[in-house]
Amino acid sequence: MVARLCLSVSSAELLRRIRAEYLEMPGLRLTAPQAQCLFGLDSETWDAVSAALLDAKFLSRTHNGLFAMAAIQA
């Protein structure tokens, strides 16, 4: 028998965590698969949180599709 730990993280906590990572590493630029791996998310969840962060103008997408903090995309 394999024990599985299942944690439910609120959307607000997930958004806070992702913002904190980008604020801690301002030059962070990630592809969608890299972000999913780093934050432990499935593609559907990443699509939802990235859309929220893009709408809030916290993240932007670079010309080659990377997710970066909007204030320093350059």
Protein backbone atom coordinates (compact mmCIF):
# COMPACT_ATOMS: atom_id res chain seq x y z
CA MET A 1 0.00 0.00 0.00
CA VAL A 2 1.38 3.41 -1.01
CA ALA A 3 0.50 6.40 1.12
CA ARG A 4 -0.28 9.56 -0.83
CA LEU A 5 -0.19 13.06 0.55
CA CYS A 6 -2.75 15.26 -1.08
CA LEU A 7 -2.59 18.95 -0.28
CA SER A 8 -5.18 21.47 -1.32
CA VAL A 9 -3.72 24.90 -1.79
CA SER A 10 -6.05 27.85 -2.11
CA SER A 11 -5.89 29.94 -5.26
CA ALA A 12 -4.84 32.98 -3.24
CA GLU A 13 -1.97 31.06 -1.64
CA LEU A 14 -0.86 29.71 -5.01
CA LEU A 15 -0.85 33.19 -6.54
CA ARG A 16 1.07 34.53 -3.53
CA ARG A 17 3.66 31.78 -3.86
CA ILE A 18 4.21 32.37 -7.56
CA ARG A 19 4.46 36.14 -7.06
CA ALA A 20 6.98 35.57 -4.26
CA GLU A 21 9.18 33.40 -6.49
CA TYR A 22 9.21 36.02 -9.25
CA LEU A 23 9.89 38.81 -6.74
CA GLU A 24 12.73 36.81 -5.22
CA MET A 25 14.24 36.14 -8.65
CA PRO A 26 13.27 39.18 -10.77
CA GLY A 27 15.02 37.87 -13.88
CA LEU A 28 13.07 34.59 -13.80
CA ARG A 29 11.70 33.65 -17.21
CA LEU A 30 9.90 30.33 -17.59
CA THR A 31 8.14 28.36 -20.27
CA ALA A 32 4.74 26.99 -19.33
CA PRO A 33 6.17 23.46 -18.79
CA GLN A 34 9.01 24.85 -16.65
CA ALA A 35 6.54 26.84 -14.52
CA GLN A 36 4.30 23.80 -14.12
CA CYS A 37 7.28 21.75 -12.94
CA LEU A 38 8.63 24.45 -10.60
CA PHE A 39 5.27 25.11 -8.97
CA GLY A 40 4.01 21.51 -9.11
CA LEU A 41 0.96 22.30 -11.23
CA ASP A 42 -0.93 20.54 -13.97
CA SER A 43 -1.45 22.41 -17.24
CA GLU A 44 -5.04 23.38 -16.44
CA THR A 45 -4.08 24.93 -13.11
CA TRP A 46 -1.09 26.74 -14.63
CA ASP A 47 -3.31 28.11 -17.41
CA ALA A 48 -5.71 29.53 -14.80
CA VAL A 49 -3.09 31.08 -12.52
CA SER A 50 -0.97 32.44 -15.36
CA ALA A 51 -4.08 34.03 -16.88
CA ALA A 52 -4.84 35.69 -13.54
CA LEU A 53 -1.27 36.97 -13.21
CA LEU A 54 -1.26 38.20 -16.82
CA ASP A 55 -4.62 39.95 -16.31
CA ALA A 56 -3.26 41.58 -13.13
CA LYS A 57 -0.25 42.79 -15.17
CA PHE A 58 2.11 41.03 -12.75
CA LEU A 59 3.37 38.66 -15.45
CA SER A 60 3.81 39.22 -19.14
CA ARG A 61 4.90 36.96 -21.97
CA THR A 62 8.08 37.64 -23.84
CA HIS A 63 8.21 37.58 -27.64
CA ASN A 64 9.28 33.92 -27.43
CA GLY A 65 6.53 32.88 -25.01
CA LEU A 66 8.35 32.96 -21.69
CA PHE A 67 6.54 34.12 -18.56
CA ALA A 68 8.39 37.01 -16.88
CA MET A 69 7.59 39.70 -14.35
CA ALA A 70 5.87 42.45 -16.33
CA ALA A 71 7.85 45.31 -14.80
CA ILE A 72 11.17 43.97 -16.07
CA GLN A 73 10.30 42.06 -19.23
CA ALA A 74 12.61 44.15 -21.45
